[in-house]
Amino acid sequence: MHASPLPVSQHTTPAGVHVLTLSGEIDRSSVPFVGWAFDSGAGDRCAPRTVIDFENVTFMDCSGVSFLLYAHRAAQDSDGWLRLANVSAPVQRLLHLVGLDDLMPMYATLQAALPS
């Protein structure tokens, strides 16, 4: 796979939560890389509990919305959940406009999004 236009880092916490940290713009050119990182979190199936950290995300379009719907459904199908952390005001507005803010909880910080 080519270098991602959107830096994506990931790790799994000791409690088994898959954390994706994104930086830059989430659009049609970067979503495939985000999807690959999301899917690779648990090998052959979706990690049931995932937090996506948006701290350094500067823009998101409808491709990102589609990815979040996919990620939310995948987490639910695995009897898990998807949480969002550090979501900027413009991205929060987009999520509100399309109704995703009712489907997936948003937390002010990564630490707050992780289960205690």
PDB file of N, CA and C in Angstrom:
ATOM      1  N   MET A   1       0.848  -1.172   0.000  1.00  0.00           N
ATOM      2  CA  MET A   1       0.000   0.000   0.000  1.00  0.00           C
ATOM      3  C   MET A   1       0.896   1.237   0.000  1.00  0.00           C
ATOM      4  N   HIS A   2       0.468   2.279  -0.686  1.00  0.00           N
ATOM      5  CA  HIS A   2       1.229   3.520  -0.759  1.00  0.00           C
ATOM      6  C   HIS A   2       1.172   4.269   0.559  1.00  0.00           C
ATOM      7  N   ALA A   3       2.040   5.256   0.713  1.00  0.00           N
ATOM      8  CA  ALA A   3       2.045   6.068   1.927  1.00  0.00           C
ATOM      9  C   ALA A   3       0.710   6.796   2.070  1.00  0.00           C
ATOM     10  N   SER A   4       0.205   6.830   3.271  1.00  0.00           N
ATOM     11  CA  SER A   4      -1.085   7.447   3.539  1.00  0.00           C
ATOM     12  C   SER A   4      -1.002   8.966   3.436  1.00  0.00           C
ATOM     13  N   PRO A   5      -2.012   9.587   2.782  1.00  0.00           N
ATOM     14  CA  PRO A   5      -2.072  11.043   2.782  1.00  0.00           C
ATOM     15  C   PRO A   5      -2.532  11.581   4.142  1.00  0.00           C
ATOM     16  N   LEU A   6      -2.943  10.686   5.007  1.00  0.00           N
ATOM     17  CA  LEU A   6      -3.406  11.044   6.347  1.00  0.00           C
ATOM     18  C   LEU A   6      -2.636  10.184   7.332  1.00  0.00           C
ATOM     19  N   PRO A   7      -1.767  10.795   8.130  1.00  0.00           N
ATOM     20  CA  PRO A   7      -1.051   9.972   9.115  1.00  0.00           C
ATOM     21  C   PRO A   7      -2.021   9.292  10.084  1.00  0.00           C
ATOM     22  N   VAL A   8      -1.859   7.993  10.214  1.00  0.00           N
ATOM     23  CA  VAL A   8      -2.698   7.194  11.107  1.00  0.00           C
ATOM     24  C   VAL A   8      -1.770   6.388  12.002  1.00  0.00           C
ATOM     25  N   SER A   9      -1.928   6.538  13.297  1.00  0.00           N
ATOM     26  CA  SER A   9      -1.202   5.668  14.213  1.00  0.00           C
ATOM     27  C   SER A   9      -2.238   4.882  15.006  1.00  0.00           C
ATOM     28  N   GLN A  10      -1.833   3.734  15.484  1.00  0.00           N
ATOM     29  CA  GLN A  10      -2.773   2.908  16.225  1.00  0.00           C
ATOM     30  C   GLN A  10      -2.052   2.086  17.278  1.00  0.00           C
ATOM     31  N   HIS A  11      -2.781   1.774  18.308  1.00  0.00           N
ATOM     32  CA  HIS A  11      -2.281   0.877  19.335  1.00  0.00           C
ATOM     33  C   HIS A  11      -3.478   0.270  20.059  1.00  0.00           C
ATOM     34  N   THR A  12      -3.216  -0.754  20.820  1.00  0.00           N
ATOM     35  CA  THR A  12      -4.242  -1.393  21.632  1.00  0.00           C
ATOM     36  C   THR A  12      -3.851  -1.224  23.084  1.00  0.00           C
ATOM     37  N   THR A  13      -4.782  -0.747  23.882  1.00  0.00           N
ATOM     38  CA  THR A  13      -4.516  -0.532  25.303  1.00  0.00           C
ATOM     39  C   THR A  13      -4.473  -1.873  26.020  1.00  0.00           C
ATOM     40  N   PRO A  14      -3.930  -1.902  27.246  1.00  0.00           N
ATOM     41  CA  PRO A  14      -3.935  -3.150  28.018  1.00  0.00           C
ATOM     42  C   PRO A  14      -5.351  -3.697  28.248  1.00  0.00           C
ATOM     43  N   ALA A  15      -6.348  -2.807  28.209  1.00  0.00           N
ATOM     44  CA  ALA A  15      -7.737  -3.248  28.390  1.00  0.00           C
ATOM     45  C   ALA A  15      -8.354  -3.748  27.085  1.00  0.00           C
ATOM     46  N   GLY A  16      -7.565  -3.759  26.008  1.00  0.00           N
ATOM     47  CA  GLY A  16      -8.046  -4.287  24.743  1.00  0.00           C
ATOM     48  C   GLY A  16      -8.792  -3.299  23.863  1.00  0.00           C
ATOM     49  N   VAL A  17      -8.662  -2.011  24.130  1.00  0.00           N
ATOM     50  CA  VAL A  17      -9.315  -0.994  23.308  1.00  0.00           C
ATOM     51  C   VAL A  17      -8.371  -0.600  22.175  1.00  0.00           C
ATOM     52  N   HIS A  18      -8.874  -0.673  20.954  1.00  0.00           N
ATOM     53  CA  HIS A  18      -8.108  -0.266  19.769  1.00  0.00           C
ATOM     54  C   HIS A  18      -8.222   1.251  19.647  1.00  0.00           C
ATOM     55  N   VAL A  19      -7.092   1.944  19.616  1.00  0.00           N
ATOM     56  CA  VAL A  19      -7.069   3.406  19.517  1.00  0.00           C
ATOM     57  C   VAL A  19      -6.453   3.791  18.179  1.00  0.00           C
ATOM     58  N   LEU A  20      -7.213   4.540  17.383  1.00  0.00           N
ATOM     59  CA  LEU A  20      -6.710   5.107  16.136  1.00  0.00           C
ATOM     60  C   LEU A  20      -6.522   6.594  16.348  1.00  0.00           C
ATOM     61  N   THR A  21      -5.357   7.113  16.035  1.00  0.00           N
ATOM     62  CA  THR A  21      -5.095   8.545  16.122  1.00  0.00           C
ATOM     63  C   THR A  21      -4.876   9.057  14.712  1.00  0.00           C
ATOM     64  N   LEU A  22      -5.703  10.012  14.312  1.00  0.00           N
ATOM     65  CA  LEU A  22      -5.672  10.543  12.957  1.00  0.00           C
ATOM     66  C   LEU A  22      -5.136  11.970  12.957  1.00  0.00           C
ATOM     67  N   SER A  23      -4.502  12.352  11.844  1.00  0.00           N
ATOM     68  CA  SER A  23      -3.967  13.713  11.689  1.00  0.00           C
ATOM     69  C   SER A  23      -4.191  14.158  10.257  1.00  0.00           C
ATOM     70  N   GLY A  24      -4.666  15.376  10.083  1.00  0.00           N
ATOM     71  CA  GLY A  24      -4.830  15.931   8.745  1.00  0.00           C
ATOM     72  C   GLY A  24      -6.281  15.932   8.298  1.00  0.00           C
ATOM     73  N   GLU A  25      -6.490  15.705   6.996  1.00  0.00           N
ATOM     74  CA  GLU A  25      -7.813  15.767   6.395  1.00  0.00           C
ATOM     75  C   GLU A  25      -8.356  14.368   6.098  1.00  0.00           C
ATOM     76  N   ILE A  26      -9.598  14.145   6.500  1.00  0.00           N
ATOM     77  CA  ILE A  26     -10.272  12.885   6.194  1.00  0.00           C
ATOM     78  C   ILE A  26     -11.169  13.151   4.997  1.00  0.00           C
ATOM     79  N   ASP A  27     -10.753  12.620   3.856  1.00  0.00           N
ATOM     80  CA  ASP A  27     -11.516  12.802   2.623  1.00  0.00           C
ATOM     81  C   ASP A  27     -11.416  11.535   1.789  1.00  0.00           C
ATOM     82  N   ARG A  28     -11.907  11.577   0.564  1.00  0.00           N
ATOM     83  CA  ARG A  28     -11.961  10.353  -0.244  1.00  0.00           C
ATOM     84  C   ARG A  28     -10.590   9.760  -0.536  1.00  0.00           C
ATOM     85  N   SER A  29      -9.543  10.587  -0.507  1.00  0.00           N
ATOM     86  CA  SER A  29      -8.208  10.044  -0.767  1.00  0.00           C
ATOM     87  C   SER A  29      -7.582   9.403   0.474  1.00  0.00           C
ATOM     88  N   SER A  30      -8.033   9.780   1.651  1.00  0.00           N
ATOM     89  CA  SER A  30      -7.430   9.250   2.876  1.00  0.00           C
ATOM     90  C   SER A  30      -8.276   8.183   3.565  1.00  0.00           C
ATOM     91  N   VAL A  31      -9.573   8.147   3.300  1.00  0.00           N
ATOM     92  CA  VAL A  31     -10.448   7.191   3.978  1.00  0.00           C
ATOM     93  C   VAL A  31     -10.018   5.737   3.787  1.00  0.00           C
ATOM     94  N   PRO A  32      -9.538   5.316   2.606  1.00  0.00           N
ATOM     95  CA  PRO A  32      -9.099   3.918   2.502  1.00  0.00           C
ATOM     96  C   PRO A  32      -8.002   3.550   3.506  1.00  0.00           C
ATOM     97  N   PHE A  33      -7.118   4.480   3.816  1.00  0.00           N
ATOM     98  CA  PHE A  33      -6.048   4.215   4.774  1.00  0.00           C
ATOM     99  C   PHE A  33      -6.596   4.145   6.200  1.00  0.00           C
ATOM    100  N   VAL A  34      -7.564   4.994   6.501  1.00  0.00           N
ATOM    101  CA  VAL A  34      -8.210   4.955   7.813  1.00  0.00           C
ATOM    102  C   VAL A  34      -8.958   3.631   7.964  1.00  0.00           C
ATOM    103  N   GLY A  35      -9.680   3.240   6.917  1.00  0.00           N
ATOM    104  CA  GLY A  35     -10.411   1.977   6.950  1.00  0.00           C
ATOM    105  C   GLY A  35      -9.490   0.785   7.125  1.00  0.00           C
ATOM    106  N   TRP A  36      -8.364   0.806   6.436  1.00  0.00           N
ATOM    107  CA  TRP A  36      -7.395  -0.283   6.574  1.00  0.00           C
ATOM    108  C   TRP A  36      -6.881  -0.369   8.010  1.00  0.00           C
ATOM    109  N   ALA A  37      -6.547   0.786   8.605  1.00  0.00           N
ATOM    110  CA  ALA A  37      -6.053   0.798   9.986  1.00  0.00           C
ATOM    111  C   ALA A  37      -7.139   0.311  10.946  1.00  0.00           C
ATOM    112  N   PHE A  38      -8.382   0.737  10.713  1.00  0.00           N
ATOM    113  CA  PHE A  38      -9.496   0.302  11.557  1.00  0.00           C
ATOM    114  C   PHE A  38      -9.665  -1.214  11.466  1.00  0.00           C
ATOM    115  N   ASP A  39      -9.692  -1.736  10.252  1.00  0.00           N
ATOM    116  CA  ASP A  39      -9.900  -3.170  10.059  1.00  0.00           C
ATOM    117  C   ASP A  39      -8.738  -4.010  10.566  1.00  0.00           C
ATOM    118  N   SER A  40      -7.538  -3.460  10.545  1.00  0.00           N
ATOM    119  CA  SER A  40      -6.378  -4.237  10.984  1.00  0.00           C
ATOM    120  C   SER A  40      -6.233  -4.269  12.494  1.00  0.00           C
ATOM    121  N   GLY A  41      -7.085  -3.570  13.205  1.00  0.00           N
ATOM    122  CA  GLY A  41      -6.978  -3.499  14.657  1.00  0.00           C
ATOM    123  C   GLY A  41      -7.159  -4.807  15.378  1.00  0.00           C
ATOM    124  N   ALA A  42      -7.845  -5.758  14.759  1.00  0.00           N
ATOM    125  CA  ALA A  42      -8.082  -7.036  15.440  1.00  0.00           C
ATOM    126  C   ALA A  42      -7.873  -8.211  14.508  1.00  0.00           C
ATOM    127  N   GLY A  43      -7.016  -8.047  13.546  1.00  0.00           N
ATOM    128  CA  GLY A  43      -6.746  -9.162  12.645  1.00  0.00           C
ATOM    129  C   GLY A  43      -7.883  -9.384  11.675  1.00  0.00           C
ATOM    130  N   ASP A  44      -8.525 -10.541  11.763  1.00  0.00           N
ATOM    131  CA  ASP A  44      -9.537 -10.888  10.776  1.00  0.00           C
ATOM    132  C   ASP A  44     -10.936 -10.390  11.113  1.00  0.00           C
ATOM    133  N   ARG A  45     -11.108  -9.712  12.239  1.00  0.00           N
ATOM    134  CA  ARG A  45     -12.413  -9.139  12.535  1.00  0.00           C
ATOM    135  C   ARG A  45     -12.236  -7.815  13.247  1.00  0.00           C
ATOM    136  N   CYS A  46     -13.260  -7.027  13.240  1.00  0.00           N
ATOM    137  CA  CYS A  46     -13.217  -5.681  13.832  1.00  0.00           C
ATOM    138  C   CYS A  46     -12.925  -5.763  15.330  1.00  0.00           C
ATOM    139  N   ALA A  47     -12.085  -4.850  15.792  1.00  0.00           N
ATOM    140  CA  ALA A  47     -11.878  -4.729  17.231  1.00  0.00           C
ATOM    141  C   ALA A  47     -13.213  -4.290  17.835  1.00  0.00           C
ATOM    142  N   PRO A  48     -13.716  -4.993  18.827  1.00  0.00           N
ATOM    143  CA  PRO A  48     -15.044  -4.656  19.333  1.00  0.00           C
ATOM    144  C   PRO A  48     -15.133  -3.293  20.012  1.00  0.00           C
ATOM    145  N   ARG A  49     -14.020  -2.829  20.573  1.00  0.00           N
ATOM    146  CA  ARG A  49     -14.044  -1.527  21.253  1.00  0.00           C
ATOM    147  C   ARG A  49     -12.956  -0.652  20.644  1.00  0.00           C
ATOM    148  N   THR A  50     -13.392   0.464  20.057  1.00  0.00           N
ATOM    149  CA  THR A  50     -12.456   1.344  19.364  1.00  0.00           C
ATOM    150  C   THR A  50     -12.710   2.792  19.741  1.00  0.00           C
ATOM    151  N   VAL A  51     -11.621   3.524  19.943  1.00  0.00           N
ATOM    152  CA  VAL A  51     -11.674   4.979  20.116  1.00  0.00           C
ATOM    153  C   VAL A  51     -10.897   5.587  18.955  1.00  0.00           C
ATOM    154  N   ILE A  52     -11.517   6.534  18.279  1.00  0.00           N
ATOM    155  CA  ILE A  52     -10.836   7.269  17.217  1.00  0.00           C
ATOM    156  C   ILE A  52     -10.532   8.661  17.748  1.00  0.00           C
ATOM    157  N   ASP A  53      -9.248   8.996  17.796  1.00  0.00           N
ATOM    158  CA  ASP A  53      -8.777  10.280  18.313  1.00  0.00           C
ATOM    159  C   ASP A  53      -8.624  11.252  17.143  1.00  0.00           C
ATOM    160  N   PHE A  54      -9.430  12.300  17.140  1.00  0.00           N
ATOM    161  CA  PHE A  54      -9.464  13.301  16.075  1.00  0.00           C
ATOM    162  C   PHE A  54      -8.642  14.541  16.411  1.00  0.00           C
ATOM    163  N   GLU A  55      -7.783  14.465  17.412  1.00  0.00           N
ATOM    164  CA  GLU A  55      -7.113  15.666  17.912  1.00  0.00           C
ATOM    165  C   GLU A  55      -6.465  16.510  16.812  1.00  0.00           C
ATOM    166  N   ASN A  56      -5.835  15.889  15.843  1.00  0.00           N
ATOM    167  CA  ASN A  56      -5.141  16.645  14.800  1.00  0.00           C
ATOM    168  C   ASN A  56      -5.840  16.592  13.446  1.00  0.00           C
ATOM    169  N   VAL A  57      -7.133  16.276  13.443  1.00  0.00           N
ATOM    170  CA  VAL A  57      -7.904  16.276  12.203  1.00  0.00           C
ATOM    171  C   VAL A  57      -8.359  17.701  11.915  1.00  0.00           C
ATOM    172  N   THR A  58      -8.037  18.179  10.721  1.00  0.00           N
ATOM    173  CA  THR A  58      -8.354  19.562  10.353  1.00  0.00           C
ATOM    174  C   THR A  58      -9.580  19.683   9.462  1.00  0.00           C
ATOM    175  N   PHE A  59     -10.031  18.567   8.863  1.00  0.00           N
ATOM    176  CA  PHE A  59     -11.155  18.607   7.924  1.00  0.00           C
ATOM    177  C   PHE A  59     -11.712  17.198   7.772  1.00  0.00           C
ATOM    178  N   MET A  60     -13.024  17.107   7.557  1.00  0.00           N
ATOM    179  CA  MET A  60     -13.630  15.822   7.233  1.00  0.00           C
ATOM    180  C   MET A  60     -14.797  16.066   6.297  1.00  0.00           C
ATOM    181  N   ASP A  61     -14.890  15.253   5.228  1.00  0.00           N
ATOM    182  CA  ASP A  61     -16.001  15.370   4.301  1.00  0.00           C
ATOM    183  C   ASP A  61     -16.920  14.151   4.430  1.00  0.00           C
ATOM    184  N   CYS A  62     -17.823  14.002   3.464  1.00  0.00           N
ATOM    185  CA  CYS A  62     -18.802  12.912   3.530  1.00  0.00           C
ATOM    186  C   CYS A  62     -18.157  11.534   3.469  1.00  0.00           C
ATOM    187  N   SER A  63     -16.952  11.431   2.922  1.00  0.00           N
ATOM    188  CA  SER A  63     -16.245  10.144   2.936  1.00  0.00           C
ATOM    189  C   SER A  63     -15.950   9.713   4.367  1.00  0.00           C
ATOM    190  N   GLY A  64     -15.578  10.672   5.201  1.00  0.00           N
ATOM    191  CA  GLY A  64     -15.337  10.383   6.611  1.00  0.00           C
ATOM    192  C   GLY A  64     -16.610   9.977   7.328  1.00  0.00           C
ATOM    193  N   VAL A  65     -17.721  10.623   6.970  1.00  0.00           N
ATOM    194  CA  VAL A  65     -19.012  10.256   7.550  1.00  0.00           C
ATOM    195  C   VAL A  65     -19.346   8.810   7.194  1.00  0.00           C
ATOM    196  N   SER A  66     -19.153   8.448   5.934  1.00  0.00           N
ATOM    197  CA  SER A  66     -19.416   7.068   5.500  1.00  0.00           C
ATOM    198  C   SER A  66     -18.543   6.073   6.256  1.00  0.00           C
ATOM    199  N   PHE A  67     -17.268   6.422   6.430  1.00  0.00           N
ATOM    200  CA  PHE A  67     -16.379   5.541   7.189  1.00  0.00           C
ATOM    201  C   PHE A  67     -16.869   5.375   8.624  1.00  0.00           C
ATOM    202  N   LEU A  68     -17.272   6.466   9.268  1.00  0.00           N
ATOM    203  CA  LEU A  68     -17.732   6.372  10.654  1.00  0.00           C
ATOM    204  C   LEU A  68     -18.979   5.501  10.769  1.00  0.00           C
ATOM    205  N   LEU A  69     -19.873   5.585   9.786  1.00  0.00           N
ATOM    206  CA  LEU A  69     -21.048   4.702   9.787  1.00  0.00           C
ATOM    207  C   LEU A  69     -20.617   3.241   9.681  1.00  0.00           C
ATOM    208  N   TYR A  70     -19.681   2.972   8.782  1.00  0.00           N
ATOM    209  CA  TYR A  70     -19.149   1.613   8.637  1.00  0.00           C
ATOM    210  C   TYR A  70     -18.520   1.152   9.957  1.00  0.00           C
ATOM    211  N   ALA A  71     -17.689   1.997  10.558  1.00  0.00           N
ATOM    212  CA  ALA A  71     -16.989   1.634  11.797  1.00  0.00           C
ATOM    213  C   ALA A  71     -17.979   1.398  12.933  1.00  0.00           C
ATOM    214  N   HIS A  72     -19.007   2.229  13.012  1.00  0.00           N
ATOM    215  CA  HIS A  72     -20.025   2.079  14.048  1.00  0.00           C
ATOM    216  C   HIS A  72     -20.752   0.741  13.891  1.00  0.00           C
ATOM    217  N   ARG A  73     -21.158   0.425  12.665  1.00  0.00           N
ATOM    218  CA  ARG A  73     -21.859  -0.837  12.418  1.00  0.00           C
ATOM    219  C   ARG A  73     -20.956  -2.029  12.707  1.00  0.00           C
ATOM    220  N   ALA A  74     -19.692  -1.942  12.302  1.00  0.00           N
ATOM    221  CA  ALA A  74     -18.755  -3.039  12.542  1.00  0.00           C
ATOM    222  C   ALA A  74     -18.568  -3.273  14.034  1.00  0.00           C
ATOM    223  N   ALA A  75     -18.459  -2.187  14.803  1.00  0.00           N
ATOM    224  CA  ALA A  75     -18.308  -2.324  16.252  1.00  0.00           C
ATOM    225  C   ALA A  75     -19.559  -2.955  16.864  1.00  0.00           C
ATOM    226  N   GLN A  76     -20.724  -2.507  16.428  1.00  0.00           N
ATOM    227  CA  GLN A  76     -21.964  -3.087  16.948  1.00  0.00           C
ATOM    228  C   GLN A  76     -22.081  -4.564  16.590  1.00  0.00           C
ATOM    229  N   ASP A  77     -21.696  -4.906  15.365  1.00  0.00           N
ATOM    230  CA  ASP A  77     -21.758  -6.312  14.943  1.00  0.00           C
ATOM    231  C   ASP A  77     -20.826  -7.200  15.766  1.00  0.00           C
ATOM    232  N   SER A  78     -19.807  -6.593  16.377  1.00  0.00           N
ATOM    233  CA  SER A  78     -18.873  -7.325  17.234  1.00  0.00           C
ATOM    234  C   SER A  78     -19.247  -7.192  18.706  1.00  0.00           C
ATOM    235  N   ASP A  79     -20.485  -6.742  18.971  1.00  0.00           N
ATOM    236  CA  ASP A  79     -20.958  -6.505  20.341  1.00  0.00           C
ATOM    237  C   ASP A  79     -20.059  -5.528  21.087  1.00  0.00           C
ATOM    238  N   GLY A  80     -19.592  -4.510  20.385  1.00  0.00           N
ATOM    239  CA  GLY A  80     -18.707  -3.517  20.988  1.00  0.00           C
ATOM    240  C   GLY A  80     -19.233  -2.109  20.821  1.00  0.00           C
ATOM    241  N   TRP A  81     -18.313  -1.172  20.789  1.00  0.00           N
ATOM    242  CA  TRP A  81     -18.675   0.230  20.651  1.00  0.00           C
ATOM    243  C   TRP A  81     -17.575   1.007  19.941  1.00  0.00           C
ATOM    244  N   LEU A  82     -17.954   2.182  19.451  1.00  0.00           N
ATOM    245  CA  LEU A  82     -17.045   3.133  18.827  1.00  0.00           C
ATOM    246  C   LEU A  82     -17.224   4.457  19.552  1.00  0.00           C
ATOM    247  N   ARG A  83     -16.120   5.039  19.976  1.00  0.00           N
ATOM    248  CA  ARG A  83     -16.142   6.343  20.633  1.00  0.00           C
ATOM    249  C   ARG A  83     -15.200   7.280  19.888  1.00  0.00           C
ATOM    250  N   LEU A  84     -15.534   8.570  19.914  1.00  0.00           N
ATOM    251  CA  LEU A  84     -14.718   9.586  19.264  1.00  0.00           C
ATOM    252  C   LEU A  84     -14.151  10.512  20.333  1.00  0.00           C
ATOM    253  N   ALA A  85     -12.901  10.916  20.143  1.00  0.00           N
ATOM    254  CA  ALA A  85     -12.249  11.814  21.115  1.00  0.00           C
ATOM    255  C   ALA A  85     -11.654  13.013  20.391  1.00  0.00           C
ATOM    256  N   ASN A  86     -11.596  14.126  21.084  1.00  0.00           N
ATOM    257  CA  ASN A  86     -10.938  15.348  20.589  1.00  0.00           C
ATOM    258  C   ASN A  86     -11.499  15.821  19.251  1.00  0.00           C
ATOM    259  N   VAL A  87     -12.805  15.766  19.092  1.00  0.00           N
ATOM    260  CA  VAL A  87     -13.422  16.144  17.821  1.00  0.00           C
ATOM    261  C   VAL A  87     -13.546  17.671  17.765  1.00  0.00           C
ATOM    262  N   SER A  88     -12.983  18.276  16.715  1.00  0.00           N
ATOM    263  CA  SER A  88     -13.008  19.737  16.568  1.00  0.00           C
ATOM    264  C   SER A  88     -14.439  20.225  16.320  1.00  0.00           C
ATOM    265  N   ALA A  89     -14.661  21.500  16.566  1.00  0.00           N
ATOM    266  CA  ALA A  89     -15.990  22.092  16.386  1.00  0.00           C
ATOM    267  C   ALA A  89     -16.523  21.918  14.952  1.00  0.00           C
ATOM    268  N   PRO A  90     -15.715  22.153  13.910  1.00  0.00           N
ATOM    269  CA  PRO A  90     -16.256  21.957  12.551  1.00  0.00           C
ATOM    270  C   PRO A  90     -16.659  20.510  12.267  1.00  0.00           C
ATOM    271  N   VAL A  91     -15.874  19.548  12.741  1.00  0.00           N
ATOM    272  CA  VAL A  91     -16.216  18.138  12.529  1.00  0.00           C
ATOM    273  C   VAL A  91     -17.438  17.781  13.380  1.00  0.00           C
ATOM    274  N   GLN A  92     -17.522  18.296  14.598  1.00  0.00           N
ATOM    275  CA  GLN A  92     -18.702  18.059  15.432  1.00  0.00           C
ATOM    276  C   GLN A  92     -19.956  18.587  14.742  1.00  0.00           C
ATOM    277  N   ARG A  93     -19.848  19.750  14.113  1.00  0.00           N
ATOM    278  CA  ARG A  93     -20.990  20.339  13.410  1.00  0.00           C
ATOM    279  C   ARG A  93     -21.436  19.419  12.277  1.00  0.00           C
ATOM    280  N   LEU A  94     -20.491  18.900  11.502  1.00  0.00           N
ATOM    281  CA  LEU A  94     -20.826  17.972  10.423  1.00  0.00           C
ATOM    282  C   LEU A  94     -21.513  16.729  10.986  1.00  0.00           C
ATOM    283  N   LEU A  95     -20.968  16.171  12.045  1.00  0.00           N
ATOM    284  CA  LEU A  95     -21.558  14.969  12.643  1.00  0.00           C
ATOM    285  C   LEU A  95     -22.963  15.250  13.170  1.00  0.00           C
ATOM    286  N   HIS A  96     -23.162  16.453  13.702  1.00  0.00           N
ATOM    287  CA  HIS A  96     -24.490  16.844  14.178  1.00  0.00           C
ATOM    288  C   HIS A  96     -25.465  16.979  13.000  1.00  0.00           C
ATOM    289  N   LEU A  97     -25.023  17.615  11.918  1.00  0.00           N
ATOM    290  CA  LEU A  97     -25.892  17.823  10.756  1.00  0.00           C
ATOM    291  C   LEU A  97     -26.391  16.515  10.152  1.00  0.00           C
ATOM    292  N   VAL A  98     -25.561  15.486  10.188  1.00  0.00           N
ATOM    293  CA  VAL A  98     -25.965  14.195   9.609  1.00  0.00           C
ATOM    294  C   VAL A  98     -26.501  13.219  10.661  1.00  0.00           C
ATOM    295  N   GLY A  99     -26.553  13.634  11.919  1.00  0.00           N
ATOM    296  CA  GLY A  99     -27.143  12.830  12.975  1.00  0.00           C
ATOM    297  C   GLY A  99     -26.239  11.785  13.604  1.00  0.00           C
ATOM    298  N   LEU A 100     -24.949  11.814  13.285  1.00  0.00           N
ATOM    299  CA  LEU A 100     -24.047  10.825  13.877  1.00  0.00           C
ATOM    300  C   LEU A 100     -23.729  11.110  15.333  1.00  0.00           C
ATOM    301  N   ASP A 101     -23.926  12.327  15.760  1.00  0.00           N
ATOM    302  CA  ASP A 101     -23.649  12.640  17.160  1.00  0.00           C
ATOM    303  C   ASP A 101     -24.604  11.907  18.094  1.00  0.00           C
ATOM    304  N   ASP A 102     -25.728  11.434  17.563  1.00  0.00           N
ATOM    305  CA  ASP A 102     -26.656  10.634  18.365  1.00  0.00           C
ATOM    306  C   ASP A 102     -26.265   9.151  18.397  1.00  0.00           C
ATOM    307  N   LEU A 103     -25.457   8.710  17.425  1.00  0.00           N
ATOM    308  CA  LEU A 103     -25.071   7.301  17.334  1.00  0.00           C
ATOM    309  C   LEU A 103     -23.804   6.958  18.100  1.00  0.00           C
ATOM    310  N   MET A 104     -22.864   7.890  18.108  1.00  0.00           N
ATOM    311  CA  MET A 104     -21.570   7.584  18.709  1.00  0.00           C
ATOM    312  C   MET A 104     -21.167   8.697  19.665  1.00  0.00           C
ATOM    313  N   PRO A 105     -20.797   8.330  20.868  1.00  0.00           N
ATOM    314  CA  PRO A 105     -20.436   9.343  21.855  1.00  0.00           C
ATOM    315  C   PRO A 105     -19.113  10.028  21.525  1.00  0.00           C
ATOM    316  N   MET A 106     -19.064  11.315  21.833  1.00  0.00           N
ATOM    317  CA  MET A 106     -17.851  12.110  21.646  1.00  0.00           C
ATOM    318  C   MET A 106     -17.350  12.565  23.012  1.00  0.00           C
ATOM    319  N   TYR A 107     -16.033  12.484  23.179  1.00  0.00           N
ATOM    320  CA  TYR A 107     -15.403  12.847  24.441  1.00  0.00           C
ATOM    321  C   TYR A 107     -14.388  13.962  24.188  1.00  0.00           C
ATOM    322  N   ALA A 108     -14.205  14.808  25.174  1.00  0.00           N
ATOM    323  CA  ALA A 108     -13.304  15.951  25.037  1.00  0.00           C
ATOM    324  C   ALA A 108     -11.841  15.528  24.899  1.00  0.00           C
ATOM    325  N   THR A 109     -11.483  14.394  25.507  1.00  0.00           N
ATOM    326  CA  THR A 109     -10.089  13.930  25.471  1.00  0.00           C
ATOM    327  C   THR A 109     -10.044  12.428  25.198  1.00  0.00           C
ATOM    328  N   LEU A 110      -8.907  11.966  24.773  1.00  0.00           N
ATOM    329  CA  LEU A 110      -8.702  10.535  24.589  1.00  0.00           C
ATOM    330  C   LEU A 110      -8.859   9.815  25.921  1.00  0.00           C
ATOM    331  N   GLN A 111      -8.268  10.349  26.953  1.00  0.00           N
ATOM    332  CA  GLN A 111      -8.331   9.713  28.280  1.00  0.00           C
ATOM    333  C   GLN A 111      -9.772   9.547  28.740  1.00  0.00           C
ATOM    334  N   ALA A 112     -10.609  10.562  28.487  1.00  0.00           N
ATOM    335  CA  ALA A 112     -12.011  10.479  28.894  1.00  0.00           C
ATOM    336  C   ALA A 112     -12.764   9.406  28.095  1.00  0.00           C
ATOM    337  N   ALA A 113     -12.349   9.159  26.855  1.00  0.00           N
ATOM    338  CA  ALA A 113     -13.028   8.180  26.001  1.00  0.00           C
ATOM    339  C   ALA A 113     -12.669   6.742  26.365  1.00  0.00           C
ATOM    340  N   LEU A 114     -11.532   6.551  27.007  1.00  0.00           N
ATOM    341  CA  LEU A 114     -11.109   5.197  27.382  1.00  0.00           C
ATOM    342  C   LEU A 114     -11.843   4.746  28.630  1.00  0.00           C
ATOM    343  N   PRO A 115     -12.249   3.473  28.666  1.00  0.00           N
ATOM    344  CA  PRO A 115     -12.937   2.986  29.865  1.00  0.00           C
ATOM    345  C   PRO A 115     -11.993   2.995  31.067  1.00  0.00           C
ATOM    346  N   SER A 116     -12.568   3.286  32.217  1.00  0.00           N
ATOM    347  CA  SER A 116     -11.729   3.337  33.434  1.00  0.00           C
ATOM    348  C   SER A 116     -11.693   2.014  34.145  1.00  0.00           C
TER     349      SER A 116
END
